[in-house]
Amino acid sequence: MFTKCMFKKRVSPERLARPGLTQNGLRQCLRVACGGALGFVVSQLMGWNYGVFFTVFPMFLLGMVPILNGHIIRQFLTNVSLNVIEVSLVVGLLKHMPVVMTLVVLGMFLFRFNLMAKGPLFLFGANGVLTLSILLHFASYPNVVLSDLLACNLVASGLAVFIAMLMHTLFPDVEARQPPPRVVKPASQIRHETLIGGLTATLSFVVFQVFDLQGSLSAQMATILVLFALGYSGARASAAKRAVGTLLGCNLALLMQLLLYTQSHHFLLVILLYWLGLMLFAREHIHEGVGSGIGFGGLTTLGILFGQSLGPQQDLIYSALYRFSSMSVALALTLLVMACLHVLLNRWESTRLIK
């Protein structure tokens, strides 16, 4: 009896069995996993370049928002069209003037983060920040054909909307979802969140260009996704979860590589393992109920690794290890920059974060 009592004392409430998914949660989990897998399948069968667009965009659209309506679709497609114009003009006209180009990129990021901080157009701003970062990351290198890059982005975005509509048709919610409460922020907090997000995102872009980190897309995406928390305290918690999610995603990708080994030409087997991995992380993402946590970190890690590094001649093991190490360093430096900006912005009343 004494032993049983001692055992019970050691068990923390957090270690008890987690509740199962609700019907709506299960449907969203299926939407994210099946939608992400379908984007991967289409890109592989068609042989399109920039597979990361086709794997990540459906995850973003199905995972970041649990519903789909005309307002969300318009935000997503309008942002895509605007991104194509912006990247064409910025890269085409300002590539030879890095200082001017950086200032223009700063303005674009500040505009997006201002929309995110205000709330109603959060999806438009968040998708714009993420997509701009990816496009600018690729477009700034001389061996990239800009027209092909932008065309793949447009096709992937249109395909993501089609996949999202299909998934919501196949796995509809069984209960109506309540809209999130509207948060009213003071003007100083909006300025604080806008500046800390825009400046950090721009600095991330500059660092990845100066040091020629062409193969570090996952690390750059990690520095952007943690900014969705709109503040240093939220980003600190998000970065820890993002690191865990990336580590788990890399380890799962390594396990899949070992299971496939010389069987990577069996496409159905690849799809099955990929779908199972997405289901695992999608379930964790729904349980967490946050934008970019462990589950979403694992989802995007698998999407990037399979979208860019799948093939018999490609070393997924090196890619996974490199991505986790580079992401860890990038997140640590991002948090350091955000901490300095947080302290600096709080020195002025007009940009002070009010709690």
Protein backbone atom coordinates (compact mmCIF):
# COMPACT_ATOMS: atom_id res chain seq x y z
CA MET A 1 0.00 0.00 0.00
CA PHE A 2 2.86 2.35 0.87
CA THR A 3 4.45 1.59 -2.51
CA LYS A 4 1.22 2.41 -4.32
CA CYS A 5 0.93 5.74 -2.49
CA MET A 6 4.51 6.65 -3.34
CA PHE A 7 3.87 5.77 -6.98
CA LYS A 8 0.80 7.94 -7.11
CA LYS A 9 2.69 10.89 -5.68
CA ARG A 10 5.26 10.66 -8.42
CA VAL A 11 2.69 10.90 -11.21
CA SER A 12 2.19 14.47 -12.35
CA PRO A 13 -1.20 15.55 -13.70
CA GLU A 14 0.50 16.52 -16.96
CA ARG A 15 1.60 12.91 -17.43
CA LEU A 16 -1.91 11.52 -17.31
CA ALA A 17 -3.43 10.33 -20.57
CA ARG A 18 -4.28 13.18 -22.86
CA PRO A 19 -7.90 13.45 -23.95
CA GLY A 20 -8.73 12.18 -27.41
CA LEU A 21 -9.43 14.45 -30.32
CA THR A 22 -12.88 15.92 -30.72
CA GLN A 23 -14.77 15.16 -33.92
CA ASN A 24 -13.79 18.55 -35.31
CA GLY A 25 -10.19 18.01 -34.23
CA LEU A 26 -10.06 14.62 -35.92
CA ARG A 27 -11.47 16.07 -39.14
CA GLN A 28 -8.90 18.87 -39.13
CA CYS A 29 -6.13 16.37 -38.46
CA LEU A 30 -7.21 14.37 -41.51
CA ARG A 31 -7.44 17.54 -43.59
CA VAL A 32 -3.89 18.61 -42.72
CA ALA A 33 -2.32 15.18 -43.25
CA CYS A 34 -4.20 14.29 -46.44
CA GLY A 35 -3.85 17.80 -47.87
CA GLY A 36 -0.11 17.93 -47.22
CA ALA A 37 0.37 14.46 -48.71
CA LEU A 38 -1.70 15.35 -51.79
CA GLY A 39 0.39 18.45 -52.47
CA PHE A 40 3.54 16.33 -52.26
CA VAL A 41 2.12 13.66 -54.58
CA VAL A 42 1.07 16.17 -57.25
CA SER A 43 4.43 17.96 -57.24
CA GLN A 44 6.34 14.67 -57.52
CA LEU A 45 4.16 13.24 -60.28
CA MET A 46 4.33 16.48 -62.29
CA GLY A 47 8.06 16.90 -61.69
CA TRP A 48 7.67 20.54 -60.67
CA ASN A 49 10.51 22.52 -59.14
CA TYR A 50 10.42 24.06 -55.66
CA GLY A 51 8.55 21.17 -54.07
CA VAL A 52 8.59 22.98 -50.73
CA PHE A 53 5.83 25.28 -52.00
CA PHE A 54 3.58 22.33 -52.76
CA THR A 55 4.18 20.64 -49.40
CA VAL A 56 4.11 23.62 -47.04
CA PHE A 57 1.33 25.79 -48.52
CA PRO A 58 -1.48 23.23 -47.95
CA MET A 59 -0.23 22.65 -44.40
CA PHE A 60 -0.26 26.38 -43.73
CA LEU A 61 -3.75 26.93 -45.14
CA LEU A 62 -5.28 23.88 -43.43
CA GLY A 63 -3.30 24.02 -40.19
CA MET A 64 -3.17 27.71 -39.29
CA VAL A 65 -6.93 28.25 -39.66
CA PRO A 66 -9.51 25.53 -38.88
CA ILE A 67 -12.13 26.90 -41.28
CA LEU A 68 -12.27 27.87 -44.94
CA ASN A 69 -14.44 30.62 -46.36
CA GLY A 70 -14.38 33.30 -49.02
CA HIS A 71 -12.62 35.81 -46.75
CA ILE A 72 -9.75 33.39 -46.08
CA ILE A 73 -9.41 32.38 -49.74
CA ARG A 74 -9.38 36.02 -50.85
CA GLN A 75 -6.65 36.84 -48.32
CA PHE A 76 -4.55 33.89 -49.48
CA LEU A 77 -4.87 34.52 -53.22
CA THR A 78 -4.57 38.31 -52.97
CA ASN A 79 -1.35 37.89 -51.02
CA VAL A 80 0.02 35.53 -53.68
CA SER A 81 -0.69 38.00 -56.47
CA LEU A 82 0.85 40.86 -54.50
CA ASN A 83 3.93 38.79 -53.68
CA VAL A 84 4.58 38.05 -57.34
CA ILE A 85 4.46 41.75 -58.21
CA GLU A 86 6.62 42.75 -55.23
CA VAL A 87 9.32 40.15 -55.81
CA SER A 88 9.41 40.86 -59.54
CA LEU A 89 9.95 44.58 -58.95
CA VAL A 90 12.29 44.29 -55.96
CA VAL A 91 14.57 41.61 -57.41
CA GLY A 92 14.33 42.84 -60.99
CA LEU A 93 15.00 46.52 -60.26
CA LEU A 94 16.91 46.63 -56.97
CA LYS A 95 19.07 43.50 -56.93
CA HIS A 96 22.18 45.54 -57.77
CA MET A 97 21.42 48.02 -54.95
CA PRO A 98 21.44 45.92 -51.75
CA VAL A 99 20.92 48.84 -49.33
CA VAL A 100 17.87 50.16 -51.18
CA MET A 101 16.58 46.60 -51.60
CA THR A 102 16.89 45.99 -47.85
CA LEU A 103 14.95 49.16 -47.04
CA VAL A 104 12.15 48.17 -49.42
CA VAL A 105 12.05 44.65 -47.90
CA LEU A 106 11.83 46.26 -44.45
CA GLY A 107 8.83 48.30 -45.60
CA MET A 108 7.08 45.20 -46.95
CA PHE A 109 7.66 43.28 -43.72
CA LEU A 110 6.50 46.20 -41.55
CA PHE A 111 3.29 46.42 -43.58
CA ARG A 112 2.60 42.69 -43.07
CA PHE A 113 3.37 42.70 -39.36
CA ASN A 114 1.17 45.75 -38.86
CA LEU A 115 -1.74 43.81 -40.36
CA MET A 116 -0.93 40.83 -38.14
CA ALA A 117 -0.77 42.99 -35.01
CA LYS A 118 -4.17 44.55 -35.76
CA GLY A 119 -5.80 41.13 -36.16
CA PRO A 120 -8.55 40.98 -38.83
CA LEU A 121 -6.08 40.38 -41.69
CA PHE A 122 -3.67 38.21 -39.69
CA LEU A 123 -3.70 35.41 -42.29
CA PHE A 124 -2.90 37.84 -45.10
CA GLY A 125 0.04 39.26 -43.15
CA ALA A 126 1.36 35.92 -41.91
CA ASN A 127 1.19 34.25 -45.31
CA GLY A 128 2.80 37.32 -46.85
CA VAL A 129 5.73 37.29 -44.42
CA LEU A 130 6.34 33.57 -44.88
CA THR A 131 5.99 33.56 -48.67
CA LEU A 132 8.06 36.72 -49.16
CA SER A 133 10.86 35.22 -47.06
CA ILE A 134 10.91 32.05 -49.15
CA LEU A 135 10.68 33.87 -52.49
CA LEU A 136 13.37 36.42 -51.62
CA HIS A 137 15.55 33.63 -50.28
CA PHE A 138 15.43 31.79 -53.62
CA ALA A 139 15.24 34.78 -55.97
CA SER A 140 18.40 36.48 -54.73
CA TYR A 141 20.67 33.76 -56.15
CA PRO A 142 21.97 34.10 -59.73
CA ASN A 143 21.28 30.49 -60.76
CA VAL A 144 17.54 30.83 -60.08
CA VAL A 145 15.18 31.58 -62.96
CA LEU A 146 12.81 34.16 -61.49
CA SER A 147 9.93 33.40 -63.86
CA ASP A 148 10.06 29.70 -62.97
CA LEU A 149 10.16 30.52 -59.25
CA LEU A 150 7.15 32.84 -59.39
CA ALA A 151 5.21 30.48 -61.66
CA CYS A 152 5.73 27.60 -59.23
CA ASN A 153 4.61 29.85 -56.38
CA LEU A 154 1.40 30.77 -58.25
CA VAL A 155 0.64 27.17 -59.19
CA ALA A 156 1.36 25.91 -55.68
CA SER A 157 -0.87 28.58 -54.15
CA GLY A 158 -3.75 27.80 -56.49
CA LEU A 159 -3.28 24.10 -55.83
CA ALA A 160 -3.24 24.72 -52.07
CA VAL A 161 -6.63 26.48 -52.28
CA PHE A 162 -8.05 23.62 -54.38
CA ILE A 163 -6.67 21.04 -51.93
CA ALA A 164 -8.09 22.96 -48.97
CA MET A 165 -11.54 23.10 -50.60
CA LEU A 166 -11.35 19.38 -51.39
CA MET A 167 -10.27 18.47 -47.86
CA HIS A 168 -13.06 20.53 -46.29
CA THR A 169 -15.51 18.77 -48.60
CA LEU A 170 -14.22 15.29 -47.76
CA PHE A 171 -13.72 15.92 -44.02
CA PRO A 172 -16.17 18.68 -43.00
CA ASP A 173 -16.57 19.82 -39.41
CA VAL A 174 -19.47 18.19 -37.58
CA GLU A 175 -20.00 21.14 -35.24
CA ALA A 176 -19.94 24.86 -35.91
CA ARG A 177 -16.75 26.52 -34.69
CA GLN A 178 -16.83 29.63 -32.57
CA PRO A 179 -14.89 32.60 -33.97
CA PRO A 180 -11.88 33.68 -31.89
CA PRO A 181 -12.49 36.66 -29.59
CA ARG A 182 -11.52 40.05 -30.97
CA VAL A 183 -8.51 41.44 -29.13
CA VAL A 184 -8.31 45.22 -28.74
CA LYS A 185 -4.73 46.47 -28.47
CA PRO A 186 -3.41 49.94 -27.64
CA ALA A 187 -1.57 51.76 -30.41
CA SER A 188 1.78 51.46 -28.61
CA GLN A 189 1.49 47.68 -28.50
CA ILE A 190 0.67 47.52 -32.21
CA ARG A 191 3.75 49.63 -32.96
CA HIS A 192 5.88 47.44 -30.68
CA GLU A 193 4.77 44.20 -32.37
CA THR A 194 5.08 45.71 -35.84
CA LEU A 195 8.62 46.97 -35.30
CA ILE A 196 9.97 43.92 -33.50
CA GLY A 197 8.58 41.62 -36.19
CA GLY A 198 9.54 43.71 -39.21
CA LEU A 199 13.08 44.50 -38.02
CA THR A 200 13.82 40.90 -37.02
CA ALA A 201 12.47 39.48 -40.29
CA THR A 202 14.54 41.96 -42.31
CA LEU A 203 17.68 41.19 -40.32
CA SER A 204 17.07 37.48 -40.92
CA PHE A 205 16.86 38.15 -44.66
CA VAL A 206 20.10 40.17 -44.62
CA VAL A 207 22.05 37.57 -42.64
CA PHE A 208 21.00 34.71 -44.90
CA GLN A 209 22.07 36.73 -47.95
CA VAL A 210 25.39 38.02 -46.60
CA PHE A 211 26.54 34.58 -45.47
CA ASP A 212 25.24 32.89 -48.64
CA LEU A 213 23.14 30.34 -46.73
CA GLN A 214 21.32 29.05 -49.80
CA GLY A 215 20.66 25.61 -48.29
CA SER A 216 19.24 26.89 -44.99
CA LEU A 217 15.61 27.43 -45.97
CA SER A 218 14.37 25.52 -42.92
CA ALA A 219 16.38 27.75 -40.59
CA GLN A 220 15.10 30.91 -42.24
CA MET A 221 11.51 29.65 -42.06
CA ALA A 222 12.00 28.92 -38.35
CA THR A 223 13.12 32.50 -37.70
CA ILE A 224 9.97 33.74 -39.45
CA LEU A 225 7.46 31.35 -37.88
CA VAL A 226 8.47 32.25 -34.32
CA LEU A 227 7.66 35.88 -35.13
CA PHE A 228 4.01 34.93 -35.53
CA ALA A 229 3.79 35.12 -31.73
CA LEU A 230 4.12 38.93 -32.15
CA GLY A 231 6.43 39.57 -29.23
CA TYR A 232 9.52 38.39 -27.40
CA SER A 233 7.79 36.45 -24.63
CA GLY A 234 5.59 34.54 -27.07
CA ALA A 235 8.48 33.95 -29.46
CA ARG A 236 10.60 32.52 -26.66
CA ALA A 237 8.00 29.82 -25.92
CA SER A 238 7.36 29.28 -29.64
CA ALA A 239 11.09 28.86 -30.37
CA ALA A 240 11.44 26.10 -27.79
CA LYS A 241 8.46 24.25 -29.24
CA ARG A 242 9.70 24.86 -32.77
CA ALA A 243 13.09 23.37 -31.89
CA VAL A 244 11.48 20.26 -30.40
CA GLY A 245 9.20 19.90 -33.41
CA THR A 246 12.10 20.24 -35.84
CA LEU A 247 14.18 17.71 -33.90
CA LEU A 248 11.31 15.22 -33.91
CA GLY A 249 10.65 15.88 -37.60
CA CYS A 250 14.31 15.33 -38.48
CA ASN A 251 14.47 12.13 -36.44
CA LEU A 252 11.30 10.81 -38.05
CA ALA A 253 12.69 11.66 -41.50
CA LEU A 254 15.89 9.78 -40.64
CA LEU A 255 13.85 6.77 -39.52
CA MET A 256 11.90 6.88 -42.79
CA GLN A 257 15.18 7.05 -44.73
CA LEU A 258 16.39 3.93 -42.95
CA LEU A 259 13.11 2.12 -43.59
CA LEU A 260 13.10 3.09 -47.26
CA TYR A 261 16.86 2.74 -47.81
CA THR A 262 17.03 1.28 -51.34
CA GLN A 263 13.23 1.24 -51.71
CA SER A 264 12.74 4.97 -52.30
CA HIS A 265 11.65 4.19 -55.87
CA HIS A 266 8.49 2.57 -54.47
CA PHE A 267 6.43 5.74 -54.52
CA LEU A 268 3.40 4.27 -52.77
CA LEU A 269 5.59 3.23 -49.83
CA VAL A 270 7.07 6.73 -49.66
CA ILE A 271 3.57 8.28 -49.68
CA LEU A 272 2.36 5.93 -46.94
CA LEU A 273 5.26 6.75 -44.61
CA TYR A 274 4.98 10.46 -45.36
CA TRP A 275 1.23 10.46 -44.65
CA LEU A 276 1.74 8.60 -41.36
CA GLY A 277 4.33 11.17 -40.30
CA LEU A 278 1.98 14.03 -41.18
CA MET A 279 -0.85 12.39 -39.23
CA LEU A 280 1.37 12.07 -36.17
CA PHE A 281 2.40 15.74 -36.18
CA ALA A 282 -1.04 16.97 -37.24
CA ARG A 283 -2.53 15.28 -34.17
CA GLU A 284 0.02 17.02 -31.95
CA HIS A 285 -0.68 20.33 -33.69
CA ILE A 286 -4.43 20.05 -33.04
CA HIS A 287 -3.83 19.09 -29.40
CA GLU A 288 -1.57 22.10 -28.85
CA GLY A 289 -4.06 24.56 -30.28
CA VAL A 290 -1.32 27.09 -31.15
CA GLY A 291 -0.08 28.48 -34.44
CA SER A 292 3.52 27.30 -34.58
CA GLY A 293 4.32 24.72 -31.93
CA ILE A 294 5.80 21.24 -31.81
CA GLY A 295 3.24 19.77 -34.19
CA PHE A 296 3.45 22.47 -36.84
CA GLY A 297 7.25 22.47 -36.55
CA GLY A 298 7.30 18.75 -37.28
CA LEU A 299 4.86 19.16 -40.17
CA THR A 300 6.89 21.85 -41.94
CA THR A 301 10.15 19.98 -41.29
CA LEU A 302 8.82 16.87 -43.00
CA GLY A 303 7.40 19.01 -45.80
CA ILE A 304 10.73 20.73 -46.44
CA LEU A 305 12.79 17.54 -46.23
CA PHE A 306 10.53 15.56 -48.54
CA GLY A 307 9.82 18.50 -50.84
CA GLN A 308 13.49 19.32 -51.39
CA SER A 309 15.56 16.28 -50.48
CA LEU A 310 13.66 13.19 -51.60
CA GLY A 311 15.36 11.06 -54.21
CA PRO A 312 17.72 8.12 -54.54
CA GLN A 313 20.71 10.38 -55.22
CA GLN A 314 19.97 12.78 -52.35
CA ASP A 315 21.16 12.32 -48.79
CA LEU A 316 18.19 12.93 -46.51
CA ILE A 317 20.33 12.09 -43.46
CA TYR A 318 22.75 14.96 -44.11
CA SER A 319 19.85 17.29 -44.91
CA ALA A 320 18.06 16.45 -41.65
CA LEU A 321 21.15 16.90 -39.48
CA TYR A 322 22.14 20.14 -41.23
CA ARG A 323 18.65 21.59 -40.95
CA PHE A 324 18.35 20.94 -37.23
CA SER A 325 21.80 22.35 -36.41
CA SER A 326 21.31 25.46 -38.56
CA MET A 327 17.78 25.97 -37.21
CA SER A 328 18.99 25.81 -33.60
CA VAL A 329 21.64 28.48 -34.20
CA ALA A 330 19.17 30.65 -36.16
CA LEU A 331 16.52 30.48 -33.41
CA ALA A 332 19.02 31.33 -30.69
CA LEU A 333 20.24 34.40 -32.60
CA THR A 334 16.67 35.44 -33.44
CA LEU A 335 15.66 35.37 -29.77
CA LEU A 336 18.76 37.38 -28.86
CA VAL A 337 17.84 40.06 -31.42
CA MET A 338 14.21 40.11 -30.27
CA ALA A 339 15.26 40.47 -26.63
CA CYS A 340 17.42 43.49 -27.48
CA LEU A 341 14.66 45.06 -29.57
CA HIS A 342 12.10 44.35 -26.83
CA VAL A 343 14.16 46.22 -24.25
CA LEU A 344 14.94 49.05 -26.66
CA LEU A 345 11.33 49.58 -27.80
CA ASN A 346 10.08 49.58 -24.22
CA ARG A 347 12.20 52.64 -23.49
CA TRP A 348 9.77 54.86 -25.41
CA GLU A 349 6.15 55.28 -24.42
CA SER A 350 4.96 55.30 -28.06
CA THR A 351 6.33 51.78 -28.67
CA ARG A 352 5.99 50.34 -25.17
CA LEU A 353 4.43 46.90 -24.78
CA ILE A 354 1.59 47.25 -22.27
CA LYS A 355 0.66 44.16 -20.26
